[in-house]
Amino acid sequence: MVSSPIQQLDFVLGIVVKNNKGYATLFQIYEESEKIPNINVNILIDKLMKDGYLEKPWGDSNPQINTTYQVTLEGLIFYEKGGYQQEDKIIKTRLRKDSVYIYSVAIGTAFAGLYGLFEIAKWVMHHLKWHLPF
């Protein structure tokens, strides 16, 4: 089931990649997308074009039902590597790893600070001849 915007982007890019040697008309994209609720094909195509994955090979300025879109080489490679869903997984994994690293550094710094305070306390007790009652 295609539901999230990321899945919808991959779906629309896949239509163009799999259709007629990397070309698809707006009508063909609409036709394939009919079965998906709440999909806005125009917004998805705009995003794919801004990202450089689709282009209009004949430079149509206003999208019409017969406007043709072509997948770019970058779009084909991106799709073959898993598309937006794979990119999203990579970003989330990287963020998770970064969070673990930040927490590890914070905990290590806290322990180092406590150890430093302990050493200062030992030095003060030794040089001022203080003795703890326990």
Foldseek 3Di string as FASTA:
>chain_A
DQDDLQSLLLVLLVQQVPPDPFKDFQLSSCVVCVVPPPDDVVVSVVVCVVVPQKDQPVPDDDRDRGGMIGGDPVNVVCSVVPHSVVVVVVVVVVVVVVVVVVVVVVVVVVVVVVVVVVVVVVVCCVVVVNDDPD
